[in-house]
Each structure stands twice: as C-alpha cells, then as structure tokens.
C-alpha atoms as a PDB file:
ATOM      1  CA  MET A   1     -52.927  78.310   1.875  1.00  0.00           C
ATOM      2  CA  ALA A   2     -51.689  78.590   5.437  1.00  0.00           C
ATOM      3  CA  ALA A   3     -54.981  77.178   6.729  1.00  0.00           C
ATOM      4  CA  ALA A   4     -54.710  74.221   4.351  1.00  0.00           C
ATOM      5  CA  VAL A   5     -51.149  73.537   5.500  1.00  0.00           C
ATOM      6  CA  LEU A   6     -52.277  73.682   9.146  1.00  0.00           C
ATOM      7  CA  ALA A   7     -55.207  71.342   8.461  1.00  0.00           C
ATOM      8  CA  ILE A   8     -52.868  68.567   7.296  1.00  0.00           C
ATOM      9  CA  PRO A   9     -51.104  68.003  10.675  1.00  0.00           C
ATOM     10  CA  VAL A  10     -54.422  68.369  12.525  1.00  0.00           C
ATOM     11  CA  LEU A  11     -55.919  65.618  10.370  1.00  0.00           C
ATOM     12  CA  GLY A  12     -52.774  63.531  10.786  1.00  0.00           C
ATOM     13  CA  LEU A  13     -52.881  63.933  14.565  1.00  0.00           C
ATOM     14  CA  TRP A  14     -56.552  62.943  14.683  1.00  0.00           C
ATOM     15  CA  LEU A  15     -55.909  59.841  12.595  1.00  0.00           C
ATOM     16  CA  GLY A  16     -52.733  58.969  14.491  1.00  0.00           C
ATOM     17  CA  LEU A  17     -54.456  58.988  17.875  1.00  0.00           C
ATOM     18  CA  ARG A  18     -56.985  56.377  16.772  1.00  0.00           C
ATOM     19  CA  HIS A  19     -56.514  52.716  17.723  1.00  0.00           C
ATOM     20  CA  TRP A  20     -55.193  51.011  14.603  1.00  0.00           C
ATOM     21  CA  PHE A  21     -53.407  47.909  15.845  1.00  0.00           C
ATOM     22  CA  PRO A  22     -54.898  44.506  16.734  1.00  0.00           C
ATOM     23  CA  ASP A  23     -54.415  42.971  20.168  1.00  0.00           C
ATOM     24  CA  ILE A  24     -50.995  41.570  21.097  1.00  0.00           C
ATOM     25  CA  LEU A  25     -50.976  37.789  21.551  1.00  0.00           C
ATOM     26  CA  SER A  26     -47.302  36.907  21.951  1.00  0.00           C
ATOM     27  CA  THR A  27     -44.632  37.600  24.534  1.00  0.00           C
ATOM     28  CA  HIS A  28     -42.273  39.280  22.067  1.00  0.00           C
ATOM     29  CA  GLY A  29     -45.146  41.259  20.507  1.00  0.00           C
ATOM     30  CA  VAL A  30     -45.060  43.845  23.318  1.00  0.00           C
ATOM     31  CA  GLY A  31     -41.526  44.865  22.342  1.00  0.00           C
ATOM     32  CA  ILE A  32     -42.415  44.959  18.661  1.00  0.00           C
ATOM     33  CA  GLN A  33     -45.344  47.242  19.465  1.00  0.00           C
ATOM     34  CA  TYR A  34     -43.065  49.588  21.428  1.00  0.00           C
ATOM     35  CA  MET A  35     -40.934  49.932  18.290  1.00  0.00           C
ATOM     36  CA  LEU A  36     -43.958  50.602  16.095  1.00  0.00           C
ATOM     37  CA  ASP A  37     -45.410  53.161  18.505  1.00  0.00           C
ATOM     38  CA  TYR A  38     -42.067  54.942  18.887  1.00  0.00           C
ATOM     39  CA  THR A  39     -41.605  55.139  15.113  1.00  0.00           C
ATOM     40  CA  LEU A  40     -45.097  56.532  14.578  1.00  0.00           C
ATOM     41  CA  ILE A  41     -44.754  59.078  17.396  1.00  0.00           C
ATOM     42  CA  VAL A  42     -41.354  60.362  16.270  1.00  0.00           C
ATOM     43  CA  THR A  43     -42.185  60.572  12.572  1.00  0.00           C
ATOM     44  CA  GLY A  44     -45.574  62.063  13.435  1.00  0.00           C
ATOM     45  CA  ALA A  45     -43.910  64.728  15.566  1.00  0.00           C
ATOM     46  CA  PHE A  46     -41.519  65.655  12.750  1.00  0.00           C
ATOM     47  CA  PHE A  47     -44.479  65.720  10.353  1.00  0.00           C
ATOM     48  CA  ILE A  48     -46.484  68.104  12.552  1.00  0.00           C
ATOM     49  CA  VAL A  49     -43.556  70.388  13.387  1.00  0.00           C
ATOM     50  CA  GLY A  50     -42.573  70.589   9.716  1.00  0.00           C
ATOM     51  CA  HIS A  51     -46.056  71.697   8.668  1.00  0.00           C
ATOM     52  CA  LEU A  52     -46.284  74.213  11.501  1.00  0.00           C
ATOM     53  CA  VAL A  53     -42.989  75.766  10.418  1.00  0.00           C
ATOM     54  CA  LEU A  54     -44.164  75.810   6.801  1.00  0.00           C
ATOM     55  CA  ALA A  55     -47.427  77.503   7.784  1.00  0.00           C
ATOM     56  CA  ALA A  56     -45.537  80.108   9.846  1.00  0.00           C
ATOM     57  CA  LEU A  57     -43.258  80.907   6.891  1.00  0.00           C
ATOM     58  CA  ILE A  58     -46.274  81.290   4.576  1.00  0.00           C
ATOM     59  CA  ILE A  59     -48.011  83.636   7.019  1.00  0.00           C
ATOM     60  CA  ARG A  60     -44.817  85.662   7.437  1.00  0.00           C
ATOM     61  CA  ALA A  61     -44.443  86.030   3.671  1.00  0.00           C
ATOM     62  CA  LEU A  62     -48.091  87.057   3.225  1.00  0.00           C
ATOM     63  CA  ARG A  63     -47.762  89.815   5.813  1.00  0.00           C
ATOM     64  CA  LYS A  64     -44.907  91.433   3.881  1.00  0.00           C
ATOM     65  CA  PRO A  65     -45.660  90.697   0.236  1.00  0.00           C
ATOM     66  CA  ASP A  66     -43.474  93.499  -1.096  1.00  0.00           C
ATOM     67  CA  ARG A  67     -40.371  92.489   0.767  1.00  0.00           C
ATOM     68  CA  LEU A  68     -37.872  90.529  -1.269  1.00  0.00           C
ATOM     69  CA  THR A  69     -36.638  87.337   0.324  1.00  0.00           C
ATOM     70  CA  PRO A  70     -32.844  87.085   0.093  1.00  0.00           C
ATOM     71  CA  LEU A  71     -31.486  83.965  -1.525  1.00  0.00           C
ATOM     72  CA  PRO A  72     -29.831  81.554   0.940  1.00  0.00           C
ATOM     73  CA  THR A  73     -26.142  80.845   0.755  1.00  0.00           C
ATOM     74  CA  ARG A  74     -24.838  77.419  -0.195  1.00  0.00           C
ATOM     75  CA  ARG A  75     -23.739  76.894   3.391  1.00  0.00           C
ATOM     76  CA  ALA A  76     -27.246  77.682   4.670  1.00  0.00           C
ATOM     77  CA  GLU A  77     -28.771  75.288   2.129  1.00  0.00           C
ATOM     78  CA  ARG A  78     -26.472  72.496   3.260  1.00  0.00           C
ATOM     79  CA  LEU A  79     -27.223  73.122   6.933  1.00  0.00           C
ATOM     80  CA  VAL A  80     -30.981  73.204   6.352  1.00  0.00           C
ATOM     81  CA  GLY A  81     -30.758  69.928   4.446  1.00  0.00           C
ATOM     82  CA  ILE A  82     -28.248  68.042   6.606  1.00  0.00           C
ATOM     83  CA  ILE A  83     -29.208  69.007  10.158  1.00  0.00           C
ATOM     84  CA  PRO A  84     -32.872  67.792  10.014  1.00  0.00           C
ATOM     85  CA  ALA A  85     -31.797  64.581   8.257  1.00  0.00           C
ATOM     86  CA  VAL A  86     -29.147  63.794  10.883  1.00  0.00           C
ATOM     87  CA  LEU A  87     -31.502  64.734  13.717  1.00  0.00           C
ATOM     88  CA  MET A  88     -34.258  62.466  12.391  1.00  0.00           C
ATOM     89  CA  ALA A  89     -31.824  59.588  11.845  1.00  0.00           C
ATOM     90  CA  VAL A  90     -30.438  59.834  15.372  1.00  0.00           C
ATOM     91  CA  VAL A  91     -33.801  60.237  17.094  1.00  0.00           C
ATOM     92  CA  ALA A  92     -35.835  57.806  14.983  1.00  0.00           C
ATOM     93  CA  GLU A  93     -33.319  55.090  14.128  1.00  0.00           C
ATOM     94  CA  GLY A  94     -31.403  55.355  17.394  1.00  0.00           C
ATOM     95  CA  GLY A  95     -34.584  54.963  19.406  1.00  0.00           C
ATOM     96  CA  VAL A  96     -35.758  51.993  17.363  1.00  0.00           C
ATOM     97  CA  ILE A  97     -32.396  50.267  17.793  1.00  0.00           C
ATOM     98  CA  ALA A  98     -32.417  50.863  21.549  1.00  0.00           C
ATOM     99  CA  LEU A  99     -35.944  49.452  21.841  1.00  0.00           C
ATOM    100  CA  GLY A 100     -35.338  46.681  19.322  1.00  0.00           C
ATOM    101  CA  LEU A 101     -32.156  45.061  20.626  1.00  0.00           C
ATOM    102  CA  PRO A 102     -33.872  43.380  23.624  1.00  0.00           C
ATOM    103  CA  VAL A 103     -36.664  42.168  21.318  1.00  0.00           C
ATOM    104  CA  TRP A 104     -34.250  40.690  18.774  1.00  0.00           C
ATOM    105  CA  ASP A 105     -32.307  39.036  21.594  1.00  0.00           C
ATOM    106  CA  GLN A 106     -35.501  37.301  22.688  1.00  0.00           C
ATOM    107  CA  TYR A 107     -36.786  36.592  19.190  1.00  0.00           C
ATOM    108  CA  TYR A 108     -33.588  35.073  17.779  1.00  0.00           C
ATOM    109  CA  ARG A 109     -32.372  33.130  20.797  1.00  0.00           C
ATOM    110  CA  GLU A 110     -32.766  29.361  20.967  1.00  0.00           C
ATOM    111  CA  PRO A 111     -36.374  28.363  21.730  1.00  0.00           C
ATOM    112  CA  PRO A 112     -37.164  26.618  25.040  1.00  0.00           C
ATOM    113  CA  GLU A 113     -36.787  22.835  25.118  1.00  0.00           C
ATOM    114  CA  ASP A 114     -40.508  22.296  25.725  1.00  0.00           C
ATOM    115  CA  ALA A 115     -41.495  24.230  22.582  1.00  0.00           C
ATOM    116  CA  ILE A 116     -43.903  22.416  20.291  1.00  0.00           C
ATOM    117  CA  LYS A 117     -42.492  22.087  16.774  1.00  0.00           C
ATOM    118  CA  ILE A 118     -44.451  22.214  13.536  1.00  0.00           C
ATOM    119  CA  GLU A 119     -43.595  22.754   9.894  1.00  0.00           C
ATOM    120  CA  VAL A 120     -45.393  25.173   7.563  1.00  0.00           C
ATOM    121  CA  THR A 121     -44.913  24.943   3.811  1.00  0.00           C
ATOM    122  CA  GLY A 122     -46.160  27.710   1.558  1.00  0.00           C
ATOM    123  CA  ARG A 123     -47.415  26.747  -1.891  1.00  0.00           C
ATOM    124  CA  GLN A 124     -49.370  28.553  -4.579  1.00  0.00           C
ATOM    125  CA  PHE A 125     -51.899  29.146  -3.100  1.00  0.00           C
ATOM    126  CA  PHE A 126     -52.284  27.403   0.259  1.00  0.00           C
ATOM    127  CA  TRP A 127     -50.486  26.528   3.480  1.00  0.00           C
ATOM    128  CA  ALA A 128     -49.533  22.931   4.325  1.00  0.00           C
ATOM    129  CA  ILE A 129     -49.020  22.387   8.054  1.00  0.00           C
ATOM    130  CA  ARG A 130     -47.230  19.303   9.373  1.00  0.00           C
ATOM    131  CA  TYR A 131     -47.114  17.939  12.929  1.00  0.00           C
ATOM    132  CA  PRO A 132     -44.414  15.335  13.705  1.00  0.00           C
ATOM    133  CA  GLY A 133     -46.671  12.951  15.639  1.00  0.00           C
ATOM    134  CA  ALA A 134     -45.816  10.965  18.769  1.00  0.00           C
ATOM    135  CA  ASP A 135     -42.188  10.348  17.748  1.00  0.00           C
ATOM    136  CA  THR A 136     -41.589  14.164  17.564  1.00  0.00           C
ATOM    137  CA  ALA A 137     -39.557  13.585  14.369  1.00  0.00           C
ATOM    138  CA  PHE A 138     -40.454  14.746  10.879  1.00  0.00           C
ATOM    139  CA  GLY A 139     -40.301  12.195   8.102  1.00  0.00           C
ATOM    140  CA  ARG A 140     -38.350  12.763   4.902  1.00  0.00           C
ATOM    141  CA  THR A 141     -39.901  14.742   2.052  1.00  0.00           C
ATOM    142  CA  ASP A 142     -39.086  14.824  -1.651  1.00  0.00           C
ATOM    143  CA  THR A 143     -40.475  17.272  -4.206  1.00  0.00           C
ATOM    144  CA  SER A 144     -40.693  14.447  -6.769  1.00  0.00           C
ATOM    145  CA  LEU A 145     -43.326  12.791  -4.561  1.00  0.00           C
ATOM    146  CA  VAL A 146     -45.649  15.818  -4.488  1.00  0.00           C
ATOM    147  CA  THR A 147     -49.160  15.031  -5.691  1.00  0.00           C
ATOM    148  CA  THR A 148     -52.638  16.385  -5.035  1.00  0.00           C
ATOM    149  CA  ASP A 149     -53.010  13.941  -2.121  1.00  0.00           C
ATOM    150  CA  ASN A 150     -49.433  14.419  -0.927  1.00  0.00           C
ATOM    151  CA  PRO A 151     -48.947  18.227  -0.918  1.00  0.00           C
ATOM    152  CA  ILE A 152     -45.528  18.205   0.769  1.00  0.00           C
ATOM    153  CA  GLY A 153     -44.050  15.127  -0.942  1.00  0.00           C
ATOM    154  CA  LEU A 154     -43.958  12.955   2.195  1.00  0.00           C
ATOM    155  CA  ASP A 155     -41.827   9.813   1.767  1.00  0.00           C
ATOM    156  CA  VAL A 156     -43.931   7.053   3.322  1.00  0.00           C
ATOM    157  CA  THR A 157     -40.969   4.638   3.225  1.00  0.00           C
ATOM    158  CA  ASP A 158     -39.296   6.639   5.980  1.00  0.00           C
ATOM    159  CA  PRO A 159     -40.328   5.208   9.391  1.00  0.00           C
ATOM    160  CA  ALA A 160     -40.481   8.717  10.864  1.00  0.00           C
ATOM    161  CA  SER A 161     -43.205   9.596   8.329  1.00  0.00           C
ATOM    162  CA  SER A 162     -45.716   7.062   9.606  1.00  0.00           C
ATOM    163  CA  ASP A 163     -47.292   9.385  12.205  1.00  0.00           C
ATOM    164  CA  ASP A 164     -46.781  12.768  10.521  1.00  0.00           C
ATOM    165  CA  ILE A 165     -50.024  14.743  10.375  1.00  0.00           C
ATOM    166  CA  VAL A 166     -50.558  17.130   7.458  1.00  0.00           C
ATOM    167  CA  ILE A 167     -53.495  19.530   7.216  1.00  0.00           C
ATOM    168  CA  LEU A 168     -54.160  22.498   4.967  1.00  0.00           C
ATOM    169  CA  ASN A 169     -54.685  26.127   5.958  1.00  0.00           C
ATOM    170  CA  GLU A 170     -55.185  25.478   9.687  1.00  0.00           C
ATOM    171  CA  ILE A 171     -52.692  25.760  12.517  1.00  0.00           C
ATOM    172  CA  HIS A 172     -53.620  24.599  16.007  1.00  0.00           C
ATOM    173  CA  LEU A 173     -51.336  25.600  18.879  1.00  0.00           C
ATOM    174  CA  PRO A 174     -51.704  25.481  22.674  1.00  0.00           C
ATOM    175  CA  ASP A 175     -51.883  28.723  24.589  1.00  0.00           C
ATOM    176  CA  ASN A 176     -48.942  29.836  26.773  1.00  0.00           C
ATOM    177  CA  ARG A 177     -46.590  27.202  25.348  1.00  0.00           C
ATOM    178  CA  PRO A 178     -43.625  28.137  23.134  1.00  0.00           C
ATOM    179  CA  ALA A 179     -43.985  27.086  19.508  1.00  0.00           C
ATOM    180  CA  THR A 180     -41.273  26.673  16.889  1.00  0.00           C
ATOM    181  CA  ILE A 181     -42.371  26.908  13.262  1.00  0.00           C
ATOM    182  CA  LEU A 182     -40.128  25.662  10.472  1.00  0.00           C
ATOM    183  CA  LEU A 183     -41.043  27.714   7.419  1.00  0.00           C
ATOM    184  CA  ARG A 184     -40.518  26.326   3.923  1.00  0.00           C
ATOM    185  CA  SER A 185     -41.605  27.283   0.416  1.00  0.00           C
ATOM    186  CA  TYR A 186     -42.351  24.820  -2.343  1.00  0.00           C
ATOM    187  CA  ASP A 187     -42.294  27.270  -5.243  1.00  0.00           C
ATOM    188  CA  VAL A 188     -41.881  31.056  -4.811  1.00  0.00           C
ATOM    189  CA  ILE A 189     -41.320  33.537  -1.997  1.00  0.00           C
ATOM    190  CA  HIS A 190     -44.220  33.620   0.446  1.00  0.00           C
ATOM    191  CA  SER A 191     -44.554  35.480   3.747  1.00  0.00           C
ATOM    192  CA  PHE A 192     -45.958  34.105   7.007  1.00  0.00           C
ATOM    193  CA  PHE A 193     -47.879  36.923   8.697  1.00  0.00           C
ATOM    194  CA  VAL A 194     -50.116  36.925  11.770  1.00  0.00           C
ATOM    195  CA  PRO A 195     -50.662  40.542  12.916  1.00  0.00           C
ATOM    196  CA  GLU A 196     -51.815  39.590  16.431  1.00  0.00           C
ATOM    197  CA  LEU A 197     -48.538  37.767  17.039  1.00  0.00           C
ATOM    198  CA  ARG A 198     -46.535  40.683  15.607  1.00  0.00           C
ATOM    199  CA  LEU A 199     -44.864  37.986  13.529  1.00  0.00           C
ATOM    200  CA  LYS A 200     -43.892  38.271   9.865  1.00  0.00           C
ATOM    201  CA  GLN A 201     -41.279  36.107   8.180  1.00  0.00           C
ATOM    202  CA  ASP A 202     -40.543  35.432   4.510  1.00  0.00           C
ATOM    203  CA  LEU A 203     -40.357  31.853   3.214  1.00  0.00           C
ATOM    204  CA  MET A 204     -37.549  31.274   0.741  1.00  0.00           C
ATOM    205  CA  PRO A 205     -37.463  28.366  -1.727  1.00  0.00           C
ATOM    206  CA  GLY A 206     -34.674  25.942  -0.836  1.00  0.00           C
ATOM    207  CA  MET A 207     -34.397  27.164   2.755  1.00  0.00           C
ATOM    208  CA  THR A 208     -35.907  26.170   6.094  1.00  0.00           C
ATOM    209  CA  VAL A 209     -36.427  29.297   8.200  1.00  0.00           C
ATOM    210  CA  PRO A 210     -37.161  28.701  11.904  1.00  0.00           C
ATOM    211  CA  VAL A 211     -39.147  31.171  14.004  1.00  0.00           C
ATOM    212  CA  TRP A 212     -40.499  30.770  17.507  1.00  0.00           C
ATOM    213  CA  PHE A 213     -42.916  32.603  19.751  1.00  0.00           C
ATOM    214  CA  GLN A 214     -45.071  32.060  22.802  1.00  0.00           C
ATOM    215  CA  PRO A 215     -48.775  32.847  22.372  1.00  0.00           C
ATOM    216  CA  THR A 216     -50.576  34.616  25.209  1.00  0.00           C
ATOM    217  CA  GLY A 217     -54.223  34.208  24.327  1.00  0.00           C
ATOM    218  CA  THR A 218     -56.856  32.050  22.698  1.00  0.00           C
ATOM    219  CA  GLY A 219     -59.085  32.463  19.665  1.00  0.00           C
ATOM    220  CA  GLN A 220     -58.996  32.259  15.877  1.00  0.00           C
ATOM    221  CA  TYR A 221     -56.793  34.563  13.825  1.00  0.00           C
ATOM    222  CA  GLU A 222     -55.983  34.958  10.161  1.00  0.00           C
ATOM    223  CA  LEU A 223     -52.731  33.679   8.719  1.00  0.00           C
ATOM    224  CA  ALA A 224     -52.013  35.753   5.629  1.00  0.00           C
ATOM    225  CA  CYS A 225     -49.405  35.528   2.909  1.00  0.00           C
ATOM    226  CA  ASN A 226     -47.871  38.994   2.978  1.00  0.00           C
ATOM    227  CA  GLN A 227     -45.841  38.610  -0.210  1.00  0.00           C
ATOM    228  CA  ILE A 228     -47.430  38.749  -3.660  1.00  0.00           C
ATOM    229  CA  CYS A 229     -46.914  35.205  -4.927  1.00  0.00           C
ATOM    230  CA  GLY A 230     -49.000  34.982  -8.089  1.00  0.00           C
ATOM    231  CA  LEU A 231     -52.483  35.472  -9.468  1.00  0.00           C
ATOM    232  CA  GLY A 232     -54.060  33.516  -6.597  1.00  0.00           C
ATOM    233  CA  HIS A 233     -52.231  35.417  -3.856  1.00  0.00           C
ATOM    234  CA  TYR A 234     -55.485  36.979  -2.636  1.00  0.00           C
ATOM    235  CA  ARG A 235     -56.883  33.589  -1.605  1.00  0.00           C
ATOM    236  CA  MET A 236     -53.775  32.291   0.189  1.00  0.00           C
ATOM    237  CA  ARG A 237     -54.967  32.522   3.752  1.00  0.00           C
ATOM    238  CA  GLY A 238     -55.239  30.216   6.731  1.00  0.00           C
ATOM    239  CA  ILE A 239     -56.579  30.193  10.278  1.00  0.00           C
ATOM    240  CA  LEU A 240     -54.495  30.081  13.447  1.00  0.00           C
ATOM    241  CA  HIS A 241     -56.315  28.422  16.340  1.00  0.00           C
ATOM    242  CA  LEU A 242     -54.906  29.253  19.772  1.00  0.00           C
ATOM    243  CA  GLU A 243     -56.537  27.025  22.358  1.00  0.00           C
ATOM    244  CA  PRO A 244     -56.009  25.534  25.833  1.00  0.00           C
ATOM    245  CA  GLN A 245     -53.588  22.615  26.067  1.00  0.00           C
ATOM    246  CA  ALA A 246     -56.360  20.073  26.672  1.00  0.00           C
ATOM    247  CA  ALA A 247     -58.325  21.234  23.631  1.00  0.00           C
ATOM    248  CA  PHE A 248     -55.189  21.111  21.495  1.00  0.00           C
ATOM    249  CA  GLU A 249     -54.356  17.565  22.593  1.00  0.00           C
ATOM    250  CA  HIS A 250     -57.935  16.464  21.908  1.00  0.00           C
ATOM    251  CA  TRP A 251     -57.786  17.954  18.408  1.00  0.00           C
ATOM    252  CA  LEU A 252     -54.380  16.408  17.666  1.00  0.00           C
ATOM    253  CA  ALA A 253     -55.488  12.948  18.796  1.00  0.00           C
ATOM    254  CA  ALA A 254     -58.410  13.084  16.355  1.00  0.00           C
ATOM    255  CA  GLN A 255     -56.179  13.675  13.308  1.00  0.00           C
ATOM    256  CA  THR A 256     -55.193  10.934  10.860  1.00  0.00           C
ATOM    257  CA  PRO A 257     -51.541  10.617   9.756  1.00  0.00           C
ATOM    258  CA  LEU A 258     -51.028  11.389   6.078  1.00  0.00           C
ATOM    259  CA  ALA A 259     -49.131   8.137   5.422  1.00  0.00           C
ATOM    260  CA  SER A 260     -52.202   6.058   6.239  1.00  0.00           C
ATOM    261  CA  GLU A 261     -54.172   7.844   3.513  1.00  0.00           C
ATOM    262  CA  LEU A 262     -51.617   7.467   0.714  1.00  0.00           C
END
C-alpha cells in the first residue's frame, strides 16, 4: 500500500515535467504562461508532499500494528483541516494574483491606436469574420436580415456596409501588429479560444465583447469553440492565419465585399 501511494506522486512528477503547452504567440501570453506554470508547480508540490506524508504514516502504522492510535482532539482536527487550506490559498492564490495583475493590466487596457479591428460572430456552428474595409467602419447589422448568403444580417442600405468583407471560419491577421476583435454571438454562448495566443473569451448573446492582443509569430492555428453550444459543437472550428503585413494586405485586397454579392 505504501509503495502504491509513493508511485502516484512519482507518476505525477514524470507527467508534470513533460512539455504539454503549445508555443506562445502573443505578447500577453508570456504572463499567462507564468500563471499556469506557477499554479501547476504549487499544486504539484502540495500533491507530492501530501502523498509522501501519507506513505510515511502508513509505513509507521505497519511497523507497530499492535499499537493503538489515539483519537485526535477536536482542536487537532480543526488545525489539520484549516492550516493546510489556508497555506494553499495564500501560496497558490496569492502567487497567481501577484503574477496576474501585470497581465490583466496589459490585457484590459485600451488597445493601441494602430490596432487592426475585426468582428467575429459565433453561430451554430461556424464563425463569421468581418473586416471593415477601407473606410475602417463597420456597417449596420440586423438579425432580421440574416439569411444563408448574409450570415451576419448586414444592412446593405448603410453606406458603411458597402466595403465590409465577411468570410467564414478564417481569420487573417498581420504579425507583430495589435489586433482588436469584437466578439458577438448570434444565438447561444460560444467561446473564442486559440491556445497559442493564450486567449479564451466567451461570446454572450446580446453583447459585444472586445479583446485585443499582439501576435508574435506566423503560421496557421486552430480557432476552437471552447463552450458546448449544441449538437454540432464538435465541428465549430476555424483557422487563424498569422502572416507578414504584405501577405495580409495582398489577401485583403483580393476579397470581395459582401454587399456586392447580395
């Protein structure tokens, strides 16, 4: 029994030392990773120490099987229960708060003025991505105008809608340039999640939730819905393309505004 108890932390330590996380591709992602690493290290340490203590108590009891163990007092029970809980809360939560405050200050501050702005609407079961076009203004939308060809309900009578570009399940963004994403949901709660960006944000019906980040790499990465949103949740995925500025501009220039197709 003692050997089995000792094997658990050994296995946990072996698994914990493996590389589990994807690469970090955003400026704020480094701070988020510090918080994740700290949480895993602290909870892992408590996990290992707890099993070592348990194994030592088992071995001690097996060496003196005939000796009766006195029952603990109520005061001892309270101390054994309260002290570890308070210690874990102070060490684990206090450390996360100390590491997290600078990250939240960066993450929730106003985005830079040169940030590119796009809108992402979650629907069962796809992502609709809108770029504002040359006028940098989004046209009006109305849910009563939603059709198969008009997935976001774009109002083509609004002059600002004439150059809005809408594509499905693909986001193109330039590398090393801040990006603001306006998150919306057409129907139920969805969740915008790109692990490499260390970015996860829920989309709430009736709300526009802004998030911003600055990518620090190029490549193609999965955009997943991280909130169960119906029977087709498993297929609600998109692709994030991070590319050089020139490649992004070339791609954007080749797109056709949605209004011209309606």
